[in-house]
N, C-alpha and C. Protein backbone atom coordinates (compact mmCIF):
# COMPACT_ATOMS: atom_id res chain seq x y z
N MET A 1 32.21 23.48 30.03
CA MET A 1 31.71 23.28 28.79
C MET A 1 30.35 23.80 29.00
N ASP A 2 29.55 24.52 28.11
CA ASP A 2 28.36 24.97 28.20
C ASP A 2 27.19 24.10 28.12
N GLY A 3 27.45 22.92 27.73
CA GLY A 3 26.09 21.84 27.64
C GLY A 3 25.66 21.64 26.24
N LYS A 4 26.25 22.70 25.13
CA LYS A 4 26.05 22.14 23.84
C LYS A 4 27.05 21.53 23.28
N VAL A 5 26.63 20.47 22.60
CA VAL A 5 27.80 19.54 21.96
C VAL A 5 28.63 20.29 20.94
N LYS A 6 29.80 20.32 20.94
CA LYS A 6 30.84 21.15 20.23
C LYS A 6 30.92 20.17 18.98
N ARG A 7 31.51 20.92 17.81
CA ARG A 7 32.01 20.15 16.61
C ARG A 7 33.33 20.55 16.71
N VAL A 8 34.33 19.78 17.07
CA VAL A 8 35.64 20.03 17.16
C VAL A 8 36.54 19.37 16.05
N TYR A 9 37.40 20.10 15.23
CA TYR A 9 38.11 19.57 14.40
C TYR A 9 39.50 18.89 15.29
N VAL A 10 39.87 17.74 15.05
CA VAL A 10 40.90 17.23 15.74
C VAL A 10 42.10 17.19 14.59
N GLU A 11 43.18 17.96 14.91
CA GLU A 11 44.43 17.76 14.10
C GLU A 11 45.14 16.66 14.63
N THR A 12 46.08 16.25 13.76
CA THR A 12 46.64 14.67 13.97
C THR A 12 47.64 14.70 15.38
N SER A 13 48.17 15.81 15.76
CA SER A 13 48.96 15.69 17.17
C SER A 13 48.11 15.58 18.42
N VAL A 14 46.67 15.77 18.30
CA VAL A 14 45.89 15.46 19.47
C VAL A 14 45.58 13.93 19.72
N VAL A 15 45.59 13.26 18.53
CA VAL A 15 45.46 11.78 18.66
C VAL A 15 46.77 11.14 18.86
N SER A 16 47.98 11.51 18.14
CA SER A 16 49.36 10.90 18.49
C SER A 16 50.06 11.53 19.84
N GLY A 17 49.53 12.62 20.26
CA GLY A 17 49.82 13.12 21.54
C GLY A 17 49.47 12.28 22.46
N MET A 18 48.57 11.57 22.45
CA MET A 18 48.03 10.80 23.54
C MET A 18 49.14 9.67 24.06
N PHE A 19 50.27 9.52 23.10
CA PHE A 19 51.28 8.65 23.49
C PHE A 19 52.63 9.43 23.46
N ASP A 20 52.63 10.74 23.75
CA ASP A 20 53.95 11.25 23.79
C ASP A 20 54.55 11.11 25.24
N LYS A 21 55.69 11.46 25.34
CA LYS A 21 56.51 11.41 26.71
C LYS A 21 56.43 12.72 27.40
N ASN A 22 55.52 13.79 26.84
CA ASN A 22 55.49 15.00 27.49
C ASN A 22 54.16 14.88 28.37
N ASP A 23 53.62 15.97 28.66
CA ASP A 23 52.27 16.12 29.52
C ASP A 23 51.36 16.39 28.52
N HIS A 24 51.28 16.14 27.24
CA HIS A 24 50.05 16.01 26.29
C HIS A 24 49.18 14.96 26.56
N PRO A 25 49.53 13.70 27.14
CA PRO A 25 48.37 12.89 27.22
C PRO A 25 47.39 13.27 28.76
N GLU A 26 48.13 13.71 29.48
CA GLU A 26 47.49 14.26 30.76
C GLU A 26 46.80 15.45 30.48
N LYS A 27 47.09 16.15 29.78
CA LYS A 27 46.29 17.36 29.61
C LYS A 27 45.16 17.04 28.59
N ALA A 28 45.49 16.29 27.68
CA ALA A 28 44.18 16.09 26.83
C ALA A 28 43.28 15.02 27.31
N LYS A 29 43.45 14.47 28.33
CA LYS A 29 42.57 13.48 28.96
C LYS A 29 41.15 14.11 28.98
N PRO A 30 40.92 15.13 29.81
CA PRO A 30 39.54 15.77 29.84
C PRO A 30 38.84 16.08 28.57
N PHE A 31 39.73 16.31 27.47
CA PHE A 31 38.94 16.54 26.16
C PHE A 31 38.57 15.23 25.58
N TRP A 32 39.56 14.15 25.77
CA TRP A 32 38.95 12.61 25.16
C TRP A 32 38.01 12.49 25.79
N ASP A 33 37.98 12.55 27.35
CA ASP A 33 36.93 12.06 28.14
C ASP A 33 35.51 12.75 27.87
N ALA A 34 35.58 14.04 27.43
CA ALA A 34 34.47 14.85 26.88
C ALA A 34 33.86 14.19 25.68
N VAL A 35 34.81 13.51 24.82
CA VAL A 35 34.39 13.02 23.39
C VAL A 35 33.73 11.61 23.64
N PHE A 36 34.43 10.82 24.54
CA PHE A 36 33.84 9.61 24.91
C PHE A 36 32.73 9.60 25.79
N GLU A 37 32.42 10.63 26.43
CA GLU A 37 31.09 11.01 27.27
C GLU A 37 30.08 11.62 26.43
N GLY A 38 30.23 11.87 25.05
CA GLY A 38 29.29 12.62 24.25
C GLY A 38 29.18 14.03 24.38
N LYS A 39 29.99 14.57 25.14
CA LYS A 39 29.77 16.13 25.38
C LYS A 39 30.66 17.02 23.81
N ILE A 40 31.53 16.38 23.43
CA ILE A 40 32.14 16.84 22.17
C ILE A 40 32.17 15.74 21.04
N ARG A 41 31.65 16.40 19.62
CA ARG A 41 31.58 15.34 18.50
C ARG A 41 32.71 16.00 17.81
N VAL A 42 33.65 14.79 17.50
CA VAL A 42 34.91 15.50 16.59
C VAL A 42 34.74 15.28 15.10
N VAL A 43 35.37 16.12 14.60
CA VAL A 43 35.22 16.13 13.01
C VAL A 43 36.76 15.70 12.62
N LEU A 44 36.77 14.34 11.90
CA LEU A 44 38.09 13.87 11.58
C LEU A 44 37.97 13.86 10.09
N SER A 45 39.36 14.30 9.59
CA SER A 45 39.51 14.53 8.09
C SER A 45 40.31 13.55 7.25
N SER A 46 40.07 13.24 6.02
CA SER A 46 41.07 12.31 5.29
C SER A 46 42.32 12.71 5.61
N VAL A 47 42.78 14.01 5.77
CA VAL A 47 44.12 14.23 5.97
C VAL A 47 44.56 13.63 7.29
N LEU A 48 43.87 13.81 8.30
CA LEU A 48 44.30 12.89 9.65
C LEU A 48 44.14 11.46 9.34
N HIS A 49 43.49 10.87 8.74
CA HIS A 49 43.32 9.64 8.60
C HIS A 49 44.58 9.18 7.72
N ASP A 50 44.89 9.79 6.76
CA ASP A 50 46.14 9.47 5.93
C ASP A 50 47.49 9.51 6.86
N GLU A 51 47.43 10.65 7.70
CA GLU A 51 48.43 10.93 8.44
C GLU A 51 48.81 9.67 9.52
N LEU A 52 47.62 9.42 10.08
CA LEU A 52 47.62 8.23 10.90
C LEU A 52 47.83 6.77 10.55
N GLU A 53 47.82 6.74 9.47
CA GLU A 53 47.97 5.32 8.80
C GLU A 53 49.53 5.21 8.83
N LYS A 54 50.41 6.19 9.06
CA LYS A 54 51.71 6.04 9.16
C LYS A 54 52.33 5.88 10.46
N SER A 55 51.39 6.12 11.70
CA SER A 55 51.57 6.23 13.08
C SER A 55 51.85 4.81 13.66
N PRO A 56 52.33 4.58 14.88
CA PRO A 56 52.44 3.49 15.46
C PRO A 56 51.20 2.73 15.63
N ASP A 57 51.20 1.47 15.97
CA ASP A 57 50.04 0.69 16.37
C ASP A 57 49.09 1.36 17.36
N ASN A 58 49.61 1.66 18.47
CA ASN A 58 49.00 2.06 19.73
C ASN A 58 47.96 3.35 19.33
N VAL A 59 48.56 4.49 18.37
CA VAL A 59 48.00 5.56 18.17
C VAL A 59 46.91 5.15 17.06
N ARG A 60 47.07 4.35 16.22
CA ARG A 60 46.00 3.90 15.14
C ARG A 60 44.92 3.23 16.12
N GLU A 61 45.30 2.39 17.10
CA GLU A 61 44.24 1.59 17.90
C GLU A 61 43.64 2.89 18.58
N PHE A 62 43.91 3.67 19.20
CA PHE A 62 43.26 4.82 19.85
C PHE A 62 42.18 5.57 18.76
N TYR A 63 42.88 5.73 17.61
CA TYR A 63 41.93 6.57 16.85
C TYR A 63 40.47 5.57 16.51
N ARG A 64 40.76 4.23 16.43
CA ARG A 64 39.69 3.36 15.85
C ARG A 64 38.91 3.33 17.17
N ARG A 65 39.11 3.50 18.21
CA ARG A 65 38.26 3.49 19.73
C ARG A 65 37.22 4.81 19.50
N ILE A 66 37.36 5.67 18.81
CA ILE A 66 36.47 6.80 18.87
C ILE A 66 35.18 6.35 18.33
N PRO A 67 33.96 6.65 19.52
CA PRO A 67 32.80 5.93 19.22
C PRO A 67 32.25 6.66 17.72
N ASP A 68 31.60 5.85 16.95
CA ASP A 68 30.95 5.89 15.73
C ASP A 68 30.18 7.39 16.01
N SER A 69 29.42 7.15 16.93
CA SER A 69 28.41 8.39 17.39
C SER A 69 29.11 9.47 17.76
N GLN A 70 30.37 9.68 18.03
CA GLN A 70 30.97 10.99 18.35
C GLN A 70 31.88 11.52 17.40
N PHE A 71 31.71 11.01 16.03
CA PHE A 71 32.55 11.68 15.15
C PHE A 71 31.86 11.83 13.74
N GLU A 72 32.34 12.63 12.89
CA GLU A 72 32.02 13.19 11.66
C GLU A 72 33.15 13.18 10.89
N ARG A 73 32.79 12.55 9.55
CA ARG A 73 34.03 12.47 8.73
C ARG A 73 34.03 13.51 7.70
N ILE A 74 35.25 14.05 7.27
CA ILE A 74 35.27 15.16 6.11
C ILE A 74 36.35 14.91 5.34
N VAL A 75 36.10 15.14 4.07
CA VAL A 75 37.29 15.00 3.14
C VAL A 75 37.61 16.24 2.45
N SER A 76 38.83 16.21 1.65
CA SER A 76 39.55 17.43 1.09
C SER A 76 38.52 17.65 -0.07
N THR A 77 38.37 18.96 -0.43
CA THR A 77 37.83 19.25 -1.55
C THR A 77 38.41 20.37 -2.42
N PRO A 78 37.79 20.50 -3.42
CA PRO A 78 38.77 21.52 -4.46
C PRO A 78 38.71 23.00 -3.67
N GLU A 79 37.77 23.20 -2.88
CA GLU A 79 37.52 24.40 -2.43
C GLU A 79 38.69 24.46 -1.07
N SER A 80 38.71 23.29 -0.31
CA SER A 80 39.51 23.25 0.96
C SER A 80 40.95 23.48 0.29
N ASP A 81 41.27 22.52 -0.72
CA ASP A 81 42.65 22.80 -1.42
C ASP A 81 42.99 24.01 -1.79
N THR A 82 42.05 24.67 -2.36
CA THR A 82 42.39 26.21 -2.73
C THR A 82 42.67 27.10 -1.56
N LEU A 83 41.96 26.91 -0.59
CA LEU A 83 42.11 27.75 0.85
C LEU A 83 43.51 27.29 1.17
N ALA A 84 43.79 26.12 1.54
CA ALA A 84 45.16 25.82 1.85
C ALA A 84 46.34 26.41 0.97
N GLU A 85 46.11 26.24 -0.23
CA GLU A 85 47.11 27.02 -1.34
C GLU A 85 47.14 28.48 -1.08
N ARG A 86 45.95 28.99 -0.57
CA ARG A 86 45.90 30.72 -0.36
C ARG A 86 46.85 30.81 0.93
N TYR A 87 46.82 29.83 1.80
CA TYR A 87 47.66 30.27 3.34
C TYR A 87 49.29 30.11 2.99
N VAL A 88 49.55 29.12 2.01
CA VAL A 88 50.80 28.95 1.49
C VAL A 88 51.28 30.26 0.83
N LYS A 89 50.44 30.80 -0.20
CA LYS A 89 50.79 31.98 -1.25
C LYS A 89 50.90 33.21 -0.04
N ALA A 90 49.98 33.20 0.98
CA ALA A 90 49.94 34.47 1.80
C ALA A 90 51.19 34.31 2.77
N GLY A 91 52.02 33.27 2.79
CA GLY A 91 53.39 33.35 3.38
C GLY A 91 53.02 32.93 4.92
N ILE A 92 52.07 32.18 5.21
CA ILE A 92 51.80 31.90 6.65
C ILE A 92 52.59 30.77 7.03
N LEU A 93 52.60 29.81 6.22
CA LEU A 93 53.44 28.49 6.08
C LEU A 93 54.11 28.30 4.74
N THR A 94 55.05 27.74 4.72
CA THR A 94 55.67 27.21 3.37
C THR A 94 54.88 25.99 2.87
N SER A 95 55.32 25.42 1.72
CA SER A 95 54.69 24.22 1.05
C SER A 95 55.24 23.29 1.73
N ASN A 96 56.41 23.11 2.60
CA ASN A 96 56.87 22.23 3.32
C ASN A 96 56.10 21.77 4.83
N HIS A 97 54.97 22.70 4.75
CA HIS A 97 53.93 22.33 5.79
C HIS A 97 52.51 22.44 5.43
N PHE A 98 52.34 21.95 4.29
CA PHE A 98 50.95 22.12 3.39
C PHE A 98 49.80 21.47 4.22
N THR A 99 50.28 20.18 4.77
CA THR A 99 49.44 19.60 5.74
C THR A 99 48.90 20.39 6.50
N ASP A 100 49.57 21.09 7.49
CA ASP A 100 49.08 22.04 8.32
C ASP A 100 48.20 22.97 7.85
N CYS A 101 48.47 23.61 6.78
CA CYS A 101 47.41 24.30 5.93
C CYS A 101 46.27 23.78 5.46
N GLU A 102 46.35 22.26 5.25
CA GLU A 102 45.00 21.44 4.92
C GLU A 102 44.23 21.36 6.13
N HIS A 103 44.78 21.11 7.20
CA HIS A 103 44.02 20.92 8.27
C HIS A 103 43.13 22.21 8.77
N VAL A 104 43.83 23.28 8.83
CA VAL A 104 42.98 24.72 8.97
C VAL A 104 41.99 24.89 7.98
N ALA A 105 42.42 24.57 6.71
CA ALA A 105 41.44 24.96 5.49
C ALA A 105 40.24 23.96 5.78
N LEU A 106 40.47 22.82 6.09
CA LEU A 106 39.32 21.80 6.21
C LEU A 106 38.67 22.08 7.48
N ALA A 107 39.17 22.66 8.52
CA ALA A 107 38.04 23.05 9.68
C ALA A 107 37.44 24.21 9.32
N THR A 108 38.17 25.10 8.78
CA THR A 108 37.45 26.66 8.35
C THR A 108 36.39 26.10 7.48
N ILE A 109 36.51 25.23 6.30
CA ILE A 109 35.40 25.15 5.41
C ILE A 109 33.99 24.38 6.01
N ALA A 110 34.62 23.40 6.87
CA ALA A 110 33.40 22.78 7.70
C ALA A 110 32.83 23.44 8.63
N ASN A 111 33.39 24.66 8.83
CA ASN A 111 32.65 25.54 9.88
C ASN A 111 32.51 25.04 11.22
N VAL A 112 33.73 24.40 11.80
CA VAL A 112 33.66 23.78 13.22
C VAL A 112 33.65 25.00 14.08
N ASP A 113 33.24 24.58 15.21
CA ASP A 113 33.36 25.38 16.42
C ASP A 113 34.66 25.70 16.82
N VAL A 114 35.76 24.82 16.55
CA VAL A 114 37.20 25.05 17.20
C VAL A 114 38.00 23.87 16.47
N LEU A 115 39.07 24.23 16.09
CA LEU A 115 40.03 23.44 15.65
C LEU A 115 41.10 23.10 17.00
N VAL A 116 41.43 21.76 17.42
CA VAL A 116 42.38 21.61 18.55
C VAL A 116 43.52 20.99 17.79
N SER A 117 44.57 21.34 18.51
CA SER A 117 46.18 20.86 17.98
C SER A 117 47.00 21.30 19.05
N TRP A 118 48.24 20.43 18.90
CA TRP A 118 49.35 20.69 19.84
C TRP A 118 50.28 21.17 19.21
N ASN A 119 50.06 21.46 18.00
CA ASN A 119 51.38 22.10 17.23
C ASN A 119 51.17 23.58 17.29
N THR A 120 52.04 24.17 18.41
CA THR A 120 52.23 25.47 18.76
C THR A 120 52.98 26.33 17.75
N LYS A 121 53.69 25.51 16.90
CA LYS A 121 54.80 26.38 16.14
C LYS A 121 53.90 26.54 14.85
N HIS A 122 53.12 25.82 14.21
CA HIS A 122 52.59 26.05 12.92
C HIS A 122 51.04 26.35 12.97
N ILE A 123 50.45 25.86 14.07
CA ILE A 123 48.67 26.02 13.94
C ILE A 123 48.34 26.79 15.02
N VAL A 124 48.42 26.29 16.43
CA VAL A 124 48.14 27.33 17.65
C VAL A 124 49.08 28.33 17.95
N ASN A 125 49.00 29.35 17.12
CA ASN A 125 49.93 30.50 17.34
C ASN A 125 49.33 31.61 16.93
N ARG A 126 49.32 32.56 17.95
CA ARG A 126 48.32 33.84 17.92
C ARG A 126 48.59 34.56 16.68
N HIS A 127 49.84 34.78 16.25
CA HIS A 127 50.23 35.50 14.99
C HIS A 127 49.64 34.75 13.68
N ARG A 128 49.91 33.58 13.76
CA ARG A 128 49.59 32.65 12.43
C ARG A 128 47.89 32.57 12.47
N ILE A 129 47.27 32.25 13.68
CA ILE A 129 45.83 32.25 13.74
C ILE A 129 45.22 33.53 12.95
N ARG A 130 45.64 34.41 13.29
CA ARG A 130 45.21 35.96 12.86
C ARG A 130 45.44 36.11 11.41
N ARG A 131 46.44 35.55 10.95
CA ARG A 131 46.90 35.36 9.53
C ARG A 131 45.95 34.34 8.73
N PHE A 132 45.86 33.24 9.38
CA PHE A 132 44.80 32.29 8.71
C PHE A 132 43.35 33.05 8.56
N ASN A 133 43.02 33.59 9.73
CA ASN A 133 41.69 34.12 9.64
C ASN A 133 41.60 35.06 8.82
N ASP A 134 42.52 36.08 8.32
CA ASP A 134 42.58 37.05 7.26
C ASP A 134 42.48 36.44 6.14
N VAL A 135 43.21 35.43 5.74
CA VAL A 135 42.79 34.88 4.41
C VAL A 135 41.41 33.98 4.25
N SER A 136 41.21 33.50 5.45
CA SER A 136 39.74 32.71 5.36
C SER A 136 38.72 33.85 5.11
N ILE A 137 38.57 34.72 5.75
CA ILE A 137 37.77 35.83 5.48
C ILE A 137 37.57 36.49 3.99
N GLY A 138 39.10 36.54 3.56
CA GLY A 138 39.12 36.95 2.22
C GLY A 138 38.43 36.08 1.16
N PHE A 139 38.31 34.79 1.69
CA PHE A 139 37.80 33.62 0.85
C PHE A 139 36.43 33.42 1.04
N GLY A 140 35.75 34.24 1.80
CA GLY A 140 34.40 34.09 2.27
C GLY A 140 33.95 33.25 3.34
N CYS A 141 34.95 32.88 4.12
CA CYS A 141 34.54 31.82 5.26
C CYS A 141 34.71 32.77 6.67
N ASP A 142 33.96 32.36 7.56
CA ASP A 142 34.16 32.67 8.94
C ASP A 142 35.46 32.65 9.66
N GLU A 143 35.89 33.41 10.60
CA GLU A 143 36.95 33.18 11.37
C GLU A 143 36.93 31.57 12.01
N ILE A 144 37.82 31.14 12.47
CA ILE A 144 37.99 29.91 13.24
C ILE A 144 38.57 29.93 14.29
N LYS A 145 38.36 29.40 15.33
CA LYS A 145 39.11 29.35 16.70
C LYS A 145 39.88 28.23 16.81
N ILE A 146 41.12 28.34 17.11
CA ILE A 146 42.23 27.48 17.27
C ILE A 146 42.65 27.43 18.59
N LEU A 147 42.56 26.18 19.26
CA LEU A 147 43.06 26.33 20.57
C LEU A 147 43.69 24.57 20.86
N VAL A 148 44.51 24.66 21.99
CA VAL A 148 45.19 23.26 22.23
C VAL A 148 44.13 22.59 23.16
N PRO A 149 43.94 21.37 23.19
CA PRO A 149 42.66 20.74 23.71
C PRO A 149 42.60 21.11 25.19
N ASN A 150 43.48 21.22 26.21
CA ASN A 150 43.16 21.63 27.37
C ASN A 150 42.53 22.80 27.45
N ASP A 151 42.77 23.86 26.66
CA ASP A 151 42.08 25.16 26.47
C ASP A 151 40.69 25.24 26.53
N LEU A 152 40.29 24.16 25.69
CA LEU A 152 38.92 24.26 25.22
C LEU A 152 38.32 23.60 26.44
N THR A 153 38.97 22.43 27.12
CA THR A 153 38.16 21.83 28.31
C THR A 153 38.06 22.88 29.53
N GLN A 154 39.38 23.37 29.61
CA GLN A 154 39.57 24.29 31.02
C GLN A 154 38.72 25.43 30.94
N ARG A 155 38.70 26.04 29.75
CA ARG A 155 38.04 27.48 29.63
C ARG A 155 36.44 27.27 29.26
N GLY A 156 36.08 25.96 29.28
CA GLY A 156 34.69 25.71 28.83
C GLY A 156 34.24 26.31 27.52
N GLU A 157 35.07 26.46 26.74
CA GLU A 157 34.74 26.97 25.16
C GLU A 157 33.62 25.98 24.78
């Protein structure tokens, strides 16, 4: 990491993934260590909060342990809702995956440094990232960088 505190939008799978039975917890540990050490400031959305309310206790408890000094909360707005709807209209994802579109839209509107997710089918997917960015640029926003958590910490992004 380059020393500058990054603003990183955290998609739901990065919190819930800490309790997966795959290698996500091990791979995400350096990311969460950087958050708890003050090297990364996470951007947490109302969409994330709503999704985590339905999660098991251990996931919600982990979420609550994120230090107040290390996060920023954002909420859905008419602008982010419109951008998410444009992603669906562009055929990037169907309305069945509208929440994924909301995450990308919120992170884009918030102009974060990067969005992190374990969702490689719908979010961290080179083809979809390009399409998300095409729509976002047409909407007047900057491109967004989207990575899995360990790519952020390993590459020093």
